[in-house]
Amino acid sequence: MNYFRFIDSSPPPHTGDKVLTLIIPQCRECDACLHSQGNFCDKQEFSCRGRKVYHSFRTSTFTEYTVVPEIAVVKIDDAAPMDKVCLLSCGVPTGYGAAVNSAKVTPGSTCVVFGLGGVGSAIVMGCKASGASRIIGVDINEQKFPRARALGVTDCLNPDKLKKSVHEVVMEMTGVGADFAFEAIGNVDTMILGKMLQQQDADEKMHLRY
């Protein structure tokens, strides 16, 4: 979970503050940060006590303690529940941004989302906010379906209970496939399946995002 207690800094945040880590922080000074299409800060290499720090995704959140640049954390309210607000650090912006910023889901479109966990749920929210008229959620855990519907999923499919393949069922449901397909599982088979669901028309309306 990407939440921490900040332990050492001069400007805010201060020692003891609750913070969230940011995988892609912005210094707002380098060429990459100042570019309208850039988001990969050039100033992310840093050292601690004279030694270069190597850290996964610039946060190393799989460790009990981590060292990150000051711009890679943001202070949150002390009353925020850590086991819930941590989702805002990675899962929510990853999924929501995939739909809104990367794929640029269009109003009236049909979307298919493979995986209805944290990232998949955020994708659903992004699709709905972008005006998608139909959002098909695919997951083998039906306990996720009520929440998925509440977030905007219009159709829920459990591949284990289908008599046909997901590809065939979605094609029958839509007639032409999907405008956008998102894979939030990390499974090569579902990535390929998403590609298969693309609309084979002259406009190439399908925009696959992994």
N, C-alpha and C. Protein backbone atom coordinates (compact mmCIF):
# COMPACT_ATOMS: atom_id res chain seq x y z
N MET A 1 0.84 -1.19 0.00
CA MET A 1 0.00 0.00 0.00
C MET A 1 0.87 1.24 0.00
N ASN A 2 0.56 2.23 -0.82
CA ASN A 2 1.41 3.39 -0.97
C ASN A 2 1.02 4.53 -0.03
N TYR A 3 1.18 4.30 1.27
CA TYR A 3 1.01 5.39 2.22
C TYR A 3 2.14 5.31 3.23
N PHE A 4 2.54 6.47 3.75
CA PHE A 4 3.71 6.49 4.63
C PHE A 4 3.59 7.60 5.65
N ARG A 5 4.46 7.51 6.66
CA ARG A 5 4.67 8.61 7.58
C ARG A 5 5.99 9.25 7.18
N PHE A 6 5.95 10.54 6.90
CA PHE A 6 7.17 11.24 6.49
C PHE A 6 8.09 11.39 7.70
N ILE A 7 9.38 11.16 7.52
CA ILE A 7 10.26 11.14 8.69
C ILE A 7 11.35 12.22 8.70
N ASP A 8 11.62 12.89 7.58
CA ASP A 8 12.72 13.84 7.62
C ASP A 8 12.63 14.83 6.48
N SER A 9 12.43 16.11 6.78
CA SER A 9 12.39 17.13 5.75
C SER A 9 12.43 18.51 6.40
N SER A 10 12.93 19.49 5.67
CA SER A 10 12.94 20.85 6.19
C SER A 10 11.65 21.57 5.82
N PRO A 11 11.34 21.75 4.49
CA PRO A 11 10.05 22.32 4.15
C PRO A 11 8.98 21.26 4.27
N PRO A 12 7.68 21.63 4.17
CA PRO A 12 6.62 20.62 4.25
C PRO A 12 6.79 19.59 3.14
N PRO A 13 6.40 18.32 3.32
CA PRO A 13 5.81 17.80 4.56
C PRO A 13 6.84 17.65 5.67
N HIS A 14 6.34 17.62 6.90
CA HIS A 14 7.22 17.53 8.05
C HIS A 14 7.21 16.13 8.66
N THR A 15 8.16 15.90 9.54
CA THR A 15 8.25 14.61 10.22
C THR A 15 6.92 14.25 10.86
N GLY A 16 6.47 13.01 10.59
CA GLY A 16 5.22 12.53 11.17
C GLY A 16 3.99 12.75 10.30
N ASP A 17 4.12 13.54 9.23
CA ASP A 17 2.97 13.79 8.35
C ASP A 17 2.59 12.53 7.59
N LYS A 18 1.30 12.34 7.36
CA LYS A 18 0.84 11.28 6.47
C LYS A 18 1.04 11.75 5.04
N VAL A 19 1.62 10.89 4.21
CA VAL A 19 1.85 11.26 2.82
C VAL A 19 1.52 10.10 1.89
N LEU A 20 1.25 10.43 0.64
CA LEU A 20 1.11 9.45 -0.42
C LEU A 20 2.30 9.61 -1.35
N THR A 21 2.78 8.49 -1.88
CA THR A 21 3.89 8.56 -2.83
C THR A 21 3.37 8.73 -4.25
N LEU A 22 4.16 9.37 -5.09
CA LEU A 22 3.79 9.66 -6.47
C LEU A 22 4.78 8.97 -7.40
N ILE A 23 4.28 8.08 -8.25
CA ILE A 23 5.16 7.34 -9.15
C ILE A 23 5.79 8.25 -10.20
N ILE A 24 5.04 9.24 -10.68
CA ILE A 24 5.56 10.16 -11.69
C ILE A 24 5.46 11.58 -11.16
N PRO A 25 6.37 11.97 -10.27
CA PRO A 25 6.31 13.33 -9.70
C PRO A 25 6.76 14.37 -10.71
N GLN A 26 6.43 15.62 -10.45
CA GLN A 26 6.76 16.72 -11.33
C GLN A 26 7.56 17.78 -10.58
N CYS A 27 8.73 18.13 -11.11
CA CYS A 27 9.51 19.20 -10.49
C CYS A 27 9.03 20.56 -10.99
N ARG A 28 8.36 20.57 -12.16
CA ARG A 28 7.82 21.78 -12.78
C ARG A 28 8.92 22.76 -13.20
N GLU A 29 10.12 22.23 -13.39
CA GLU A 29 11.23 23.09 -13.79
C GLU A 29 11.97 22.56 -15.01
N CYS A 30 12.10 21.24 -15.15
CA CYS A 30 12.88 20.66 -16.25
C CYS A 30 12.09 20.69 -17.56
N ASP A 31 12.78 20.40 -18.67
CA ASP A 31 12.13 20.43 -19.98
C ASP A 31 10.96 19.47 -20.08
N ALA A 32 11.13 18.28 -19.50
CA ALA A 32 10.06 17.28 -19.59
C ALA A 32 8.81 17.74 -18.85
N CYS A 33 8.98 18.29 -17.67
CA CYS A 33 7.83 18.74 -16.88
C CYS A 33 7.15 19.96 -17.50
N LEU A 34 7.93 20.80 -18.14
CA LEU A 34 7.37 22.02 -18.73
C LEU A 34 6.73 21.77 -20.09
N HIS A 35 7.04 20.63 -20.72
CA HIS A 35 6.47 20.31 -22.02
C HIS A 35 5.02 19.89 -21.86
N SER A 36 4.16 20.31 -22.77
CA SER A 36 2.73 20.02 -22.66
C SER A 36 2.41 18.53 -22.72
N GLN A 37 3.29 17.74 -23.38
CA GLN A 37 3.07 16.30 -23.49
C GLN A 37 4.03 15.49 -22.62
N GLY A 38 4.82 16.16 -21.82
CA GLY A 38 5.81 15.45 -21.02
C GLY A 38 5.34 15.17 -19.60
N ASN A 39 5.79 14.06 -19.03
CA ASN A 39 5.47 13.79 -17.63
C ASN A 39 6.55 12.97 -16.93
N PHE A 40 7.69 12.77 -17.59
CA PHE A 40 8.75 11.96 -17.01
C PHE A 40 9.89 12.88 -16.60
N CYS A 41 9.84 13.33 -15.37
CA CYS A 41 10.78 14.33 -14.86
C CYS A 41 12.24 13.93 -15.08
N ASP A 42 13.04 14.90 -15.51
CA ASP A 42 14.47 14.64 -15.74
C ASP A 42 15.29 14.68 -14.46
N LYS A 43 14.71 15.17 -13.39
CA LYS A 43 15.46 15.39 -12.16
C LYS A 43 15.22 14.31 -11.11
N GLN A 44 15.04 13.08 -11.56
CA GLN A 44 14.69 12.04 -10.60
C GLN A 44 15.86 11.25 -10.05
N GLU A 45 17.05 11.39 -10.64
CA GLU A 45 18.20 10.71 -10.07
C GLU A 45 18.69 11.49 -8.86
N PHE A 46 18.89 10.81 -7.75
CA PHE A 46 19.35 11.51 -6.57
C PHE A 46 20.18 10.56 -5.71
N SER A 47 20.83 11.11 -4.72
CA SER A 47 21.69 10.30 -3.86
C SER A 47 21.36 10.56 -2.40
N CYS A 48 21.78 9.65 -1.57
CA CYS A 48 21.59 9.78 -0.13
C CYS A 48 22.93 9.48 0.54
N ARG A 49 23.45 10.47 1.27
CA ARG A 49 24.73 10.32 1.95
C ARG A 49 25.84 9.92 0.97
N GLY A 50 25.79 10.52 -0.21
CA GLY A 50 26.84 10.31 -1.19
C GLY A 50 26.69 9.09 -2.06
N ARG A 51 25.65 8.30 -1.86
CA ARG A 51 25.45 7.09 -2.65
C ARG A 51 24.18 7.23 -3.49
N LYS A 52 24.30 6.82 -4.78
CA LYS A 52 23.15 6.89 -5.66
C LYS A 52 22.05 5.95 -5.18
N VAL A 53 20.81 6.42 -5.24
CA VAL A 53 19.67 5.63 -4.78
C VAL A 53 18.97 4.99 -5.98
N TYR A 54 18.86 3.69 -5.96
CA TYR A 54 18.15 2.95 -7.01
C TYR A 54 16.81 2.52 -6.43
N HIS A 55 15.72 2.95 -7.03
CA HIS A 55 14.42 2.64 -6.45
C HIS A 55 13.40 2.29 -7.54
N SER A 56 12.62 1.26 -7.26
CA SER A 56 11.61 0.79 -8.21
C SER A 56 10.49 1.81 -8.37
N PHE A 57 10.22 2.20 -9.61
CA PHE A 57 9.18 3.18 -9.91
C PHE A 57 9.36 4.45 -9.10
N ARG A 58 10.60 4.71 -8.70
CA ARG A 58 10.95 5.93 -7.99
C ARG A 58 10.30 6.01 -6.61
N THR A 59 9.76 4.92 -6.13
CA THR A 59 9.14 4.94 -4.81
C THR A 59 9.57 3.77 -3.93
N SER A 60 9.88 2.61 -4.54
CA SER A 60 10.26 1.41 -3.79
C SER A 60 9.28 1.12 -2.66
N THR A 61 8.01 1.04 -3.00
CA THR A 61 6.98 0.86 -1.98
C THR A 61 6.83 -0.58 -1.51
N PHE A 62 7.66 -1.50 -2.01
CA PHE A 62 7.63 -2.86 -1.49
C PHE A 62 8.62 -3.03 -0.33
N THR A 63 9.10 -1.92 0.18
CA THR A 63 10.04 -1.96 1.31
C THR A 63 9.37 -1.37 2.54
N GLU A 64 9.91 -1.70 3.71
CA GLU A 64 9.37 -1.15 4.95
C GLU A 64 9.74 0.32 5.10
N TYR A 65 10.91 0.68 4.57
CA TYR A 65 11.36 2.07 4.59
C TYR A 65 11.83 2.42 3.19
N THR A 66 11.61 3.66 2.79
CA THR A 66 12.03 4.06 1.44
C THR A 66 12.54 5.49 1.44
N VAL A 67 13.37 5.80 0.47
CA VAL A 67 13.88 7.15 0.29
C VAL A 67 13.40 7.64 -1.07
N VAL A 68 12.74 8.78 -1.09
CA VAL A 68 12.20 9.32 -2.33
C VAL A 68 12.49 10.81 -2.40
N PRO A 69 12.46 11.38 -3.61
CA PRO A 69 12.62 12.84 -3.72
C PRO A 69 11.46 13.53 -3.01
N GLU A 70 11.69 14.71 -2.52
CA GLU A 70 10.64 15.45 -1.81
C GLU A 70 9.40 15.65 -2.66
N ILE A 71 9.61 15.84 -3.98
CA ILE A 71 8.45 16.08 -4.85
C ILE A 71 7.66 14.81 -5.12
N ALA A 72 8.16 13.66 -4.64
CA ALA A 72 7.48 12.39 -4.89
C ALA A 72 6.51 12.02 -3.78
N VAL A 73 6.26 12.93 -2.85
CA VAL A 73 5.27 12.68 -1.81
C VAL A 73 4.34 13.88 -1.71
N VAL A 74 3.12 13.64 -1.29
CA VAL A 74 2.17 14.72 -1.08
C VAL A 74 1.48 14.49 0.26
N LYS A 75 1.39 15.52 1.05
CA LYS A 75 0.79 15.42 2.38
C LYS A 75 -0.72 15.23 2.26
N ILE A 76 -1.27 14.37 3.12
CA ILE A 76 -2.71 14.15 3.16
C ILE A 76 -3.22 14.44 4.57
N ASP A 77 -4.53 14.52 4.70
CA ASP A 77 -5.16 14.80 5.99
C ASP A 77 -4.86 13.68 6.98
N ASP A 78 -4.53 14.05 8.21
CA ASP A 78 -4.25 13.05 9.24
C ASP A 78 -5.43 12.14 9.52
N ALA A 79 -6.63 12.61 9.23
CA ALA A 79 -7.83 11.82 9.50
C ALA A 79 -8.14 10.83 8.38
N ALA A 80 -7.42 10.92 7.26
CA ALA A 80 -7.69 10.03 6.13
C ALA A 80 -7.36 8.59 6.50
N PRO A 81 -8.27 7.64 6.20
CA PRO A 81 -8.02 6.23 6.51
C PRO A 81 -6.94 5.67 5.58
N MET A 82 -5.82 5.27 6.14
CA MET A 82 -4.68 4.87 5.33
C MET A 82 -4.96 3.66 4.44
N ASP A 83 -5.76 2.73 4.91
CA ASP A 83 -6.01 1.52 4.12
C ASP A 83 -6.92 1.78 2.93
N LYS A 84 -7.51 2.96 2.84
CA LYS A 84 -8.38 3.30 1.71
C LYS A 84 -7.77 4.39 0.83
N VAL A 85 -7.22 5.41 1.46
CA VAL A 85 -6.70 6.53 0.69
C VAL A 85 -5.46 6.14 -0.11
N CYS A 86 -4.81 5.03 0.25
CA CYS A 86 -3.62 4.60 -0.48
C CYS A 86 -3.92 4.33 -1.95
N LEU A 87 -5.19 4.00 -2.26
CA LEU A 87 -5.56 3.72 -3.65
C LEU A 87 -5.37 4.95 -4.54
N LEU A 88 -5.43 6.13 -3.95
CA LEU A 88 -5.27 7.36 -4.73
C LEU A 88 -3.84 7.55 -5.21
N SER A 89 -2.92 6.81 -4.64
CA SER A 89 -1.52 6.98 -4.98
C SER A 89 -1.16 6.33 -6.31
N CYS A 90 -1.84 5.25 -6.68
CA CYS A 90 -1.45 4.54 -7.89
C CYS A 90 -2.65 3.99 -8.67
N GLY A 91 -3.43 3.13 -8.04
CA GLY A 91 -4.50 2.42 -8.75
C GLY A 91 -5.53 3.33 -9.41
N VAL A 92 -5.99 4.33 -8.68
CA VAL A 92 -7.02 5.22 -9.23
C VAL A 92 -6.49 6.07 -10.38
N PRO A 93 -5.40 6.80 -10.22
CA PRO A 93 -4.91 7.61 -11.35
C PRO A 93 -4.48 6.77 -12.54
N THR A 94 -3.96 5.55 -12.29
CA THR A 94 -3.55 4.69 -13.39
C THR A 94 -4.76 4.31 -14.24
N GLY A 95 -5.81 3.83 -13.61
CA GLY A 95 -6.99 3.40 -14.35
C GLY A 95 -7.77 4.55 -14.95
N TYR A 96 -8.03 5.56 -14.14
CA TYR A 96 -8.80 6.72 -14.61
C TYR A 96 -8.06 7.42 -15.74
N GLY A 97 -6.75 7.59 -15.56
CA GLY A 97 -5.95 8.26 -16.59
C GLY A 97 -5.87 7.46 -17.88
N ALA A 98 -5.90 6.12 -17.76
CA ALA A 98 -5.86 5.29 -18.97
C ALA A 98 -7.06 5.56 -19.85
N ALA A 99 -8.22 5.76 -19.22
CA ALA A 99 -9.45 6.01 -19.99
C ALA A 99 -9.55 7.45 -20.47
N VAL A 100 -9.25 8.37 -19.58
CA VAL A 100 -9.45 9.79 -19.88
C VAL A 100 -8.30 10.41 -20.68
N ASN A 101 -7.06 10.12 -20.27
CA ASN A 101 -5.91 10.78 -20.90
C ASN A 101 -5.24 9.97 -22.00
N SER A 102 -5.07 8.66 -21.79
CA SER A 102 -4.37 7.85 -22.79
C SER A 102 -5.29 7.43 -23.93
N ALA A 103 -6.37 6.74 -23.60
CA ALA A 103 -7.28 6.27 -24.65
C ALA A 103 -8.19 7.38 -25.16
N LYS A 104 -8.48 8.35 -24.28
CA LYS A 104 -9.39 9.45 -24.63
C LYS A 104 -10.74 8.89 -25.10
N VAL A 105 -11.38 8.14 -24.21
CA VAL A 105 -12.69 7.56 -24.48
C VAL A 105 -13.66 8.66 -24.91
N THR A 106 -14.44 8.38 -25.93
CA THR A 106 -15.34 9.37 -26.51
C THR A 106 -16.79 9.16 -26.08
N PRO A 107 -17.59 10.21 -26.05
CA PRO A 107 -19.00 10.08 -25.68
C PRO A 107 -19.74 9.12 -26.61
N GLY A 108 -20.60 8.29 -26.03
CA GLY A 108 -21.39 7.36 -26.82
C GLY A 108 -20.68 6.09 -27.21
N SER A 109 -19.45 5.92 -26.78
CA SER A 109 -18.67 4.75 -27.18
C SER A 109 -18.97 3.52 -26.33
N THR A 110 -18.51 2.38 -26.83
CA THR A 110 -18.64 1.12 -26.11
C THR A 110 -17.26 0.70 -25.62
N CYS A 111 -17.15 0.39 -24.33
CA CYS A 111 -15.88 0.02 -23.73
C CYS A 111 -15.96 -1.37 -23.11
N VAL A 112 -14.86 -2.11 -23.17
CA VAL A 112 -14.76 -3.40 -22.49
C VAL A 112 -13.59 -3.30 -21.52
N VAL A 113 -13.84 -3.69 -20.27
CA VAL A 113 -12.81 -3.64 -19.24
C VAL A 113 -12.57 -5.04 -18.70
N PHE A 114 -11.36 -5.56 -18.90
CA PHE A 114 -11.00 -6.87 -18.38
C PHE A 114 -10.37 -6.70 -17.01
N GLY A 115 -11.01 -7.21 -15.98
CA GLY A 115 -10.51 -7.06 -14.62
C GLY A 115 -11.20 -5.92 -13.91
N LEU A 116 -11.93 -6.24 -12.84
CA LEU A 116 -12.71 -5.22 -12.14
C LEU A 116 -12.20 -5.00 -10.72
N GLY A 117 -10.87 -5.07 -10.57
CA GLY A 117 -10.26 -4.77 -9.28
C GLY A 117 -10.10 -3.27 -9.12
N GLY A 118 -9.07 -2.85 -8.40
CA GLY A 118 -8.87 -1.42 -8.16
C GLY A 118 -8.61 -0.63 -9.42
N VAL A 119 -7.67 -1.08 -10.24
CA VAL A 119 -7.35 -0.38 -11.48
C VAL A 119 -8.52 -0.45 -12.46
N GLY A 120 -9.12 -1.64 -12.59
CA GLY A 120 -10.26 -1.80 -13.49
C GLY A 120 -11.43 -0.93 -13.09
N SER A 121 -11.68 -0.83 -11.80
CA SER A 121 -12.79 0.02 -11.32
C SER A 121 -12.53 1.48 -11.66
N ALA A 122 -11.27 1.90 -11.55
CA ALA A 122 -10.93 3.28 -11.90
C ALA A 122 -11.08 3.51 -13.40
N ILE A 123 -10.79 2.50 -14.20
CA ILE A 123 -11.00 2.60 -15.65
C ILE A 123 -12.47 2.81 -15.94
N VAL A 124 -13.31 2.03 -15.25
CA VAL A 124 -14.76 2.17 -15.42
C VAL A 124 -15.20 3.60 -15.10
N MET A 125 -14.69 4.15 -14.01
CA MET A 125 -15.04 5.52 -13.64
C MET A 125 -14.62 6.50 -14.72
N GLY A 126 -13.44 6.28 -15.30
CA GLY A 126 -12.96 7.17 -16.36
C GLY A 126 -13.81 7.06 -17.61
N CYS A 127 -14.21 5.83 -17.95
CA CYS A 127 -15.06 5.62 -19.12
C CYS A 127 -16.42 6.32 -18.94
N LYS A 128 -16.98 6.17 -17.75
CA LYS A 128 -18.27 6.80 -17.48
C LYS A 128 -18.16 8.32 -17.52
N ALA A 129 -17.10 8.84 -16.89
CA ALA A 129 -16.91 10.29 -16.88
C ALA A 129 -16.71 10.84 -18.29
N SER A 130 -16.17 10.02 -19.18
CA SER A 130 -15.93 10.44 -20.56
C SER A 130 -17.17 10.31 -21.44
N GLY A 131 -18.24 9.74 -20.90
CA GLY A 131 -19.50 9.67 -21.64
C GLY A 131 -19.75 8.38 -22.37
N ALA A 132 -19.02 7.30 -22.05
CA ALA A 132 -19.26 6.02 -22.71
C ALA A 132 -20.70 5.58 -22.46
N SER A 133 -21.37 5.09 -23.49
CA SER A 133 -22.77 4.69 -23.36
C SER A 133 -22.92 3.24 -22.89
N ARG A 134 -21.87 2.43 -23.14
CA ARG A 134 -21.92 1.03 -22.73
C ARG A 134 -20.55 0.61 -22.23
N ILE A 135 -20.53 0.05 -21.03
CA ILE A 135 -19.28 -0.41 -20.43
C ILE A 135 -19.46 -1.87 -20.03
N ILE A 136 -18.73 -2.75 -20.68
CA ILE A 136 -18.83 -4.19 -20.41
C ILE A 136 -17.67 -4.59 -19.51
N GLY A 137 -18.00 -5.10 -18.33
CA GLY A 137 -16.97 -5.51 -17.38
C GLY A 137 -16.79 -7.02 -17.39
N VAL A 138 -15.55 -7.48 -17.43
CA VAL A 138 -15.26 -8.92 -17.49
C VAL A 138 -14.40 -9.32 -16.30
N ASP A 139 -14.89 -10.28 -15.51
CA ASP A 139 -14.14 -10.75 -14.35
C ASP A 139 -14.69 -12.10 -13.92
N ILE A 140 -13.84 -12.96 -13.35
CA ILE A 140 -14.31 -14.27 -12.91
C ILE A 140 -14.83 -14.22 -11.47
N ASN A 141 -14.66 -13.10 -10.79
CA ASN A 141 -15.15 -12.94 -9.43
C ASN A 141 -16.43 -12.10 -9.44
N GLU A 142 -17.57 -12.76 -9.33
CA GLU A 142 -18.85 -12.07 -9.43
C GLU A 142 -19.16 -11.20 -8.21
N GLN A 143 -18.40 -11.35 -7.15
CA GLN A 143 -18.61 -10.48 -5.99
C GLN A 143 -18.25 -9.03 -6.32
N LYS A 144 -17.50 -8.84 -7.38
CA LYS A 144 -17.14 -7.48 -7.80
C LYS A 144 -18.23 -6.82 -8.63
N PHE A 145 -19.18 -7.57 -9.11
CA PHE A 145 -20.17 -7.04 -10.05
C PHE A 145 -21.06 -5.93 -9.47
N PRO A 146 -21.62 -6.08 -8.25
CA PRO A 146 -22.46 -5.00 -7.72
C PRO A 146 -21.74 -3.66 -7.65
N ARG A 147 -20.49 -3.67 -7.17
CA ARG A 147 -19.73 -2.43 -7.10
C ARG A 147 -19.44 -1.90 -8.49
N ALA A 148 -19.12 -2.81 -9.42
CA ALA A 148 -18.82 -2.40 -10.78
C ALA A 148 -20.02 -1.71 -11.42
N ARG A 149 -21.20 -2.27 -11.20
CA ARG A 149 -22.43 -1.66 -11.75
C ARG A 149 -22.67 -0.29 -11.13
N ALA A 150 -22.39 -0.18 -9.84
CA ALA A 150 -22.58 1.11 -9.17
C ALA A 150 -21.64 2.18 -9.74
N LEU A 151 -20.49 1.76 -10.22
CA LEU A 151 -19.52 2.70 -10.78
C LEU A 151 -19.79 3.04 -12.24
N GLY A 152 -20.63 2.23 -12.90
CA GLY A 152 -20.95 2.56 -14.29
C GLY A 152 -20.98 1.40 -15.27
N VAL A 153 -20.60 0.19 -14.85
CA VAL A 153 -20.63 -0.95 -15.76
C VAL A 153 -22.08 -1.27 -16.12
N THR A 154 -22.34 -1.44 -17.40
CA THR A 154 -23.70 -1.74 -17.85
C THR A 154 -23.94 -3.23 -18.03
N ASP A 155 -22.87 -3.98 -18.33
CA ASP A 155 -22.99 -5.43 -18.54
C ASP A 155 -21.81 -6.12 -17.86
N CYS A 156 -22.11 -7.17 -17.08
CA CYS A 156 -21.04 -7.92 -16.41
C CYS A 156 -20.96 -9.34 -16.98
N LEU A 157 -19.75 -9.77 -17.29
CA LEU A 157 -19.55 -11.10 -17.84
C LEU A 157 -18.55 -11.88 -17.01
N ASN A 158 -18.90 -13.14 -16.70
CA ASN A 158 -17.99 -14.06 -16.03
C ASN A 158 -17.58 -15.11 -17.06
N PRO A 159 -16.34 -15.05 -17.55
CA PRO A 159 -15.90 -15.99 -18.60
C PRO A 159 -16.09 -17.45 -18.23
N ASP A 160 -16.01 -17.76 -16.94
CA ASP A 160 -16.14 -19.15 -16.50
C ASP A 160 -17.56 -19.68 -16.66
N LYS A 161 -18.53 -18.78 -16.82
CA LYS A 161 -19.92 -19.21 -16.92
C LYS A 161 -20.51 -18.98 -18.30
N LEU A 162 -19.68 -18.61 -19.25
CA LEU A 162 -20.16 -18.39 -20.61
C LEU A 162 -20.04 -19.68 -21.42
N LYS A 163 -21.02 -19.92 -22.29
CA LYS A 163 -20.97 -21.10 -23.15
C LYS A 163 -20.10 -20.85 -24.38
N LYS A 164 -19.84 -19.58 -24.64
CA LYS A 164 -18.98 -19.20 -25.75
C LYS A 164 -17.81 -18.38 -25.20
N SER A 165 -16.87 -18.10 -26.06
CA SER A 165 -15.73 -17.28 -25.62
C SER A 165 -16.20 -15.84 -25.38
N VAL A 166 -15.43 -15.11 -24.56
CA VAL A 166 -15.76 -13.71 -24.30
C VAL A 166 -15.81 -12.93 -25.60
N HIS A 167 -14.86 -13.23 -26.48
CA HIS A 167 -14.81 -12.55 -27.77
C HIS A 167 -16.12 -12.72 -28.53
N GLU A 168 -16.60 -13.94 -28.61
CA GLU A 168 -17.84 -14.21 -29.34
C GLU A 168 -19.05 -13.55 -28.68
N VAL A 169 -19.10 -13.60 -27.35
CA VAL A 169 -20.23 -13.01 -26.63
C VAL A 169 -20.26 -11.50 -26.81
N VAL A 170 -19.11 -10.85 -26.68
CA VAL A 170 -19.07 -9.40 -26.84
C VAL A 170 -19.42 -9.00 -28.27
N MET A 171 -18.94 -9.75 -29.24
CA MET A 171 -19.27 -9.46 -30.63
C MET A 171 -20.76 -9.58 -30.87
N GLU A 172 -21.39 -10.60 -30.24
CA GLU A 172 -22.84 -10.76 -30.39
C GLU A 172 -23.60 -9.64 -29.68
N MET A 173 -23.09 -9.20 -28.55
CA MET A 173 -23.74 -8.13 -27.79
C MET A 173 -23.69 -6.80 -28.52
N THR A 174 -22.55 -6.52 -29.15
CA THR A 174 -22.35 -5.21 -29.77
C THR A 174 -22.56 -5.20 -31.27
N GLY A 175 -22.40 -6.34 -31.90
CA GLY A 175 -22.55 -6.42 -33.35
C GLY A 175 -21.26 -6.13 -34.09
N VAL A 176 -20.44 -5.23 -33.54
CA VAL A 176 -19.21 -4.83 -34.24
C VAL A 176 -17.97 -4.89 -33.36
N GLY A 177 -18.13 -5.16 -32.08
CA GLY A 177 -16.99 -5.15 -31.18
C GLY A 177 -17.04 -3.94 -30.28
N ALA A 178 -15.89 -3.49 -29.82
CA ALA A 178 -15.83 -2.36 -28.90
C ALA A 178 -15.01 -1.22 -29.48
N ASP A 179 -15.33 -0.02 -29.02
CA ASP A 179 -14.53 1.14 -29.43
C ASP A 179 -13.22 1.20 -28.64
N PHE A 180 -13.29 0.79 -27.37
CA PHE A 180 -12.13 0.82 -26.50
C PHE A 180 -12.10 -0.45 -25.64
N ALA A 181 -10.93 -1.05 -25.49
CA ALA A 181 -10.77 -2.21 -24.62
C ALA A 181 -9.60 -1.97 -23.69
N PHE A 182 -9.79 -2.30 -22.42
CA PHE A 182 -8.76 -2.08 -21.40
C PHE A 182 -8.48 -3.39 -20.68
N GLU A 183 -7.20 -3.68 -20.48
CA GLU A 183 -6.77 -4.89 -19.80
C GLU A 183 -6.16 -4.51 -18.46
N ALA A 184 -6.83 -4.88 -17.37
CA ALA A 184 -6.36 -4.52 -16.03
C ALA A 184 -6.12 -5.77 -15.19
N ILE A 185 -5.58 -6.79 -15.84
CA ILE A 185 -5.30 -8.04 -15.16
C ILE A 185 -3.81 -8.34 -15.18
N GLY A 186 -3.17 -8.06 -16.32
CA GLY A 186 -1.77 -8.39 -16.48
C GLY A 186 -1.59 -9.78 -17.05
N ASN A 187 -2.54 -10.19 -17.88
CA ASN A 187 -2.53 -11.52 -18.47
C ASN A 187 -2.42 -11.39 -19.99
N VAL A 188 -1.45 -12.05 -20.58
CA VAL A 188 -1.22 -11.93 -22.02
C VAL A 188 -2.45 -12.38 -22.82
N ASP A 189 -3.11 -13.43 -22.36
CA ASP A 189 -4.28 -13.93 -23.07
C ASP A 189 -5.38 -12.89 -23.17
N THR A 190 -5.63 -12.16 -22.08
CA THR A 190 -6.67 -11.14 -22.12
C THR A 190 -6.23 -9.93 -22.92
N MET A 191 -4.93 -9.68 -22.97
CA MET A 191 -4.43 -8.59 -23.83
C MET A 191 -4.73 -8.91 -25.29
N ILE A 192 -4.48 -10.15 -25.67
CA ILE A 192 -4.74 -10.57 -27.04
C ILE A 192 -6.24 -10.53 -27.33
N LEU A 193 -7.03 -10.94 -26.34
CA LEU A 193 -8.48 -10.94 -26.51
C LEU A 193 -8.99 -9.52 -26.73
N GLY A 194 -8.43 -8.58 -26.01
CA GLY A 194 -8.82 -7.19 -26.21
C GLY A 194 -8.55 -6.73 -27.63
N LYS A 195 -7.40 -7.15 -28.16
CA LYS A 195 -7.06 -6.80 -29.54
C LYS A 195 -8.06 -7.40 -30.52
N MET A 196 -8.52 -8.63 -30.22
CA MET A 196 -9.46 -9.31 -31.11
C MET A 196 -10.81 -8.62 -31.15
N LEU A 197 -11.12 -7.87 -30.10
CA LEU A 197 -12.44 -7.23 -30.02
C LEU A 197 -12.51 -5.91 -30.78
N GLN A 198 -11.41 -5.52 -31.38
CA GLN A 198 -11.42 -4.24 -32.07
C GLN A 198 -12.37 -4.26 -33.27
N GLN A 199 -12.90 -3.13 -33.54
CA GLN A 199 -13.80 -3.00 -34.67
C GLN A 199 -12.99 -2.98 -35.96
N GLN A 200 -13.31 -3.83 -36.86
CA GLN A 200 -12.60 -3.91 -38.13
C GLN A 200 -13.27 -3.04 -39.18
N ASP A 201 -13.26 -1.74 -38.92
CA ASP A 201 -13.85 -0.85 -39.91
C ASP A 201 -12.82 0.17 -40.38
N ALA A 202 -13.20 0.93 -41.35
CA ALA A 202 -12.26 1.85 -41.98
C ALA A 202 -11.78 2.93 -41.03
N ASP A 203 -12.59 3.27 -40.05
CA ASP A 203 -12.24 4.34 -39.13
C ASP A 203 -11.29 3.91 -38.03
N GLU A 204 -11.11 2.59 -37.88
CA GLU A 204 -10.24 2.05 -36.84
C GLU A 204 -10.56 2.69 -35.49
N LYS A 205 -11.82 2.51 -35.07
CA LYS A 205 -12.27 3.17 -33.84
C LYS A 205 -11.74 2.56 -32.57
N MET A 206 -11.18 1.38 -32.68
CA MET A 206 -10.69 0.71 -31.50
C MET A 206 -9.37 1.30 -31.06
N HIS A 207 -9.23 1.65 -29.79
CA HIS A 207 -7.99 2.21 -29.28
C HIS A 207 -7.58 1.38 -28.08
N LEU A 208 -6.72 0.39 -28.30
CA LEU A 208 -6.32 -0.52 -27.24
C LEU A 208 -5.27 0.12 -26.35
N ARG A 209 -5.45 -0.01 -25.02
CA ARG A 209 -4.48 0.54 -24.08
C ARG A 209 -4.19 -0.52 -23.02
N TYR A 210 -2.94 -0.76 -22.78
CA TYR A 210 -2.54 -1.72 -21.75
C TYR A 210 -2.08 -0.97 -20.52
